[in-house]
Amino acid sequence: MAIFSKKSHGELSRRDFRQILKTAPARIPGSGGKIYSRQERIKMEAEVFPRQRFGSHISEIECRKRERELRQEKYRAKTREEKFKIDRKLQFLKGVTGVDPYQR
């Protein structure tokens, strides 16, 4: 499911993005049944895309960059638990946004 369309010029307002996360399936793909509650999904929007850095709109390009940064954070994490948490966020965002971080 790609949330960034040609009609929106590759950008979503923060409010629309939060609504998409709120209504997204709670199950994390590839995590063995782990689910995020609605509050965790809404909180993730503020954690992964802080307002100070990303402003009022989130673009497809910024989403790709953030996914790459999360991957780097995962490899720098010291414990397995931290790596799993970051990987779950990454898998969830990939599933919801439909953005491929490797695509140019």
Protein backbone atom coordinates (compact mmCIF):
# COMPACT_ATOMS: atom_id res chain seq x y z
CA MET A 1 0.00 0.00 0.00
CA ALA A 2 1.70 3.16 -1.16
CA ILE A 3 0.44 6.19 0.74
CA PHE A 4 2.34 8.76 -1.28
CA SER A 5 0.53 9.40 -4.54
CA LYS A 6 1.05 11.65 -7.53
CA LYS A 7 -2.00 13.64 -6.49
CA SER A 8 -0.46 14.65 -3.16
CA HIS A 9 2.87 15.53 -4.86
CA GLY A 10 4.64 12.99 -2.69
CA GLU A 11 3.79 14.73 0.60
CA LEU A 12 1.38 14.11 3.43
CA SER A 13 0.43 16.44 6.20
CA ARG A 14 1.35 15.28 9.66
CA ARG A 15 -2.32 14.97 10.53
CA ASP A 16 -3.02 12.71 7.52
CA PHE A 17 0.05 10.59 8.30
CA ARG A 18 -1.07 10.19 11.92
CA GLN A 19 -4.54 9.15 10.72
CA ILE A 20 -3.01 6.53 8.41
CA LEU A 21 -0.96 5.13 11.29
CA LYS A 22 -4.02 5.15 13.52
CA THR A 23 -6.08 3.09 11.06
CA ALA A 24 -3.22 0.84 9.89
CA PRO A 25 -3.28 -2.85 10.81
CA ALA A 26 -1.75 -3.36 14.24
CA ARG A 27 0.19 -6.48 13.26
CA ILE A 28 3.83 -5.95 12.31
CA PRO A 29 4.76 -7.85 9.14
CA GLY A 30 7.54 -10.37 9.64
CA SER A 31 7.61 -10.10 13.43
CA GLY A 32 5.93 -13.34 14.39
CA GLY A 33 2.65 -11.84 15.58
CA LYS A 34 3.84 -8.75 17.44
CA ILE A 35 1.28 -5.95 17.40
CA TYR A 36 1.38 -2.23 18.11
CA SER A 37 -1.48 -0.65 20.00
CA ARG A 38 -3.14 2.47 18.59
CA GLN A 39 -1.33 4.65 21.12
CA GLU A 40 2.04 3.11 20.21
CA ARG A 41 1.40 3.74 16.51
CA ILE A 42 0.50 7.39 17.12
CA LYS A 43 3.52 7.82 19.41
CA MET A 44 5.73 6.31 16.71
CA GLU A 45 4.87 9.18 14.36
CA ALA A 46 6.33 11.68 16.84
CA GLU A 47 9.39 9.53 17.62
CA VAL A 48 10.36 8.58 14.09
CA PHE A 49 9.43 11.88 12.41
CA PRO A 50 10.07 14.64 14.99
CA ARG A 51 8.34 17.95 14.20
CA GLN A 52 11.54 19.99 14.70
CA ARG A 53 13.27 18.11 11.91
CA PHE A 54 10.48 17.25 9.47
CA GLY A 55 8.06 20.16 9.90
CA SER A 56 4.35 19.98 9.12
CA HIS A 57 4.56 17.68 6.08
CA ILE A 58 6.27 14.36 5.51
CA SER A 59 7.43 13.57 1.99
CA GLU A 60 8.26 10.25 0.37
CA ILE A 61 11.93 11.23 0.12
CA GLU A 62 12.09 12.08 3.83
CA CYS A 63 10.43 8.76 4.61
CA ARG A 64 13.10 6.91 2.59
CA LYS A 65 15.89 8.82 4.35
CA ARG A 66 14.40 8.09 7.76
CA GLU A 67 14.13 4.37 6.95
CA ARG A 68 17.82 4.35 5.99
CA GLU A 69 18.70 6.14 9.23
CA LEU A 70 16.69 3.60 11.22
CA ARG A 71 18.60 0.80 9.52
CA GLN A 72 21.87 2.48 10.51
CA GLU A 73 20.63 2.87 14.09
CA LYS A 74 19.77 -0.83 14.13
CA TYR A 75 23.31 -1.81 13.17
CA ARG A 76 24.80 0.57 15.75
CA ALA A 77 22.57 -0.71 18.58
CA LYS A 78 24.45 -2.54 21.30
CA THR A 79 21.89 -5.07 22.54
CA ARG A 80 19.69 -7.52 20.71
CA GLU A 81 16.60 -6.06 22.33
CA GLU A 82 17.33 -2.59 20.93
CA LYS A 83 17.92 -4.09 17.48
CA PHE A 84 14.57 -5.92 17.62
CA LYS A 85 12.70 -2.75 18.63
CA ILE A 86 14.22 -0.73 15.81
CA ASP A 87 13.67 -3.56 13.32
CA ARG A 88 10.00 -3.80 14.29
CA LYS A 89 9.54 -0.06 13.74
CA LEU A 90 11.29 -0.36 10.40
CA GLN A 91 9.15 -3.31 9.27
CA PHE A 92 5.96 -1.56 10.37
CA LEU A 93 6.84 1.65 8.53
CA LYS A 94 7.76 -0.27 5.38
CA GLY A 95 4.43 -2.09 5.52
CA VAL A 96 2.36 1.03 6.12
CA THR A 97 4.09 3.45 3.77
CA GLY A 98 4.98 1.03 0.99
CA VAL A 99 8.18 3.02 0.43
CA ASP A 100 11.20 1.07 -0.77
CA PRO A 101 14.32 2.62 0.79
CA TYR A 102 16.56 1.24 -1.96
CA GLN A 103 14.65 2.86 -4.81
CA ARG A 104 16.00 6.14 -6.19
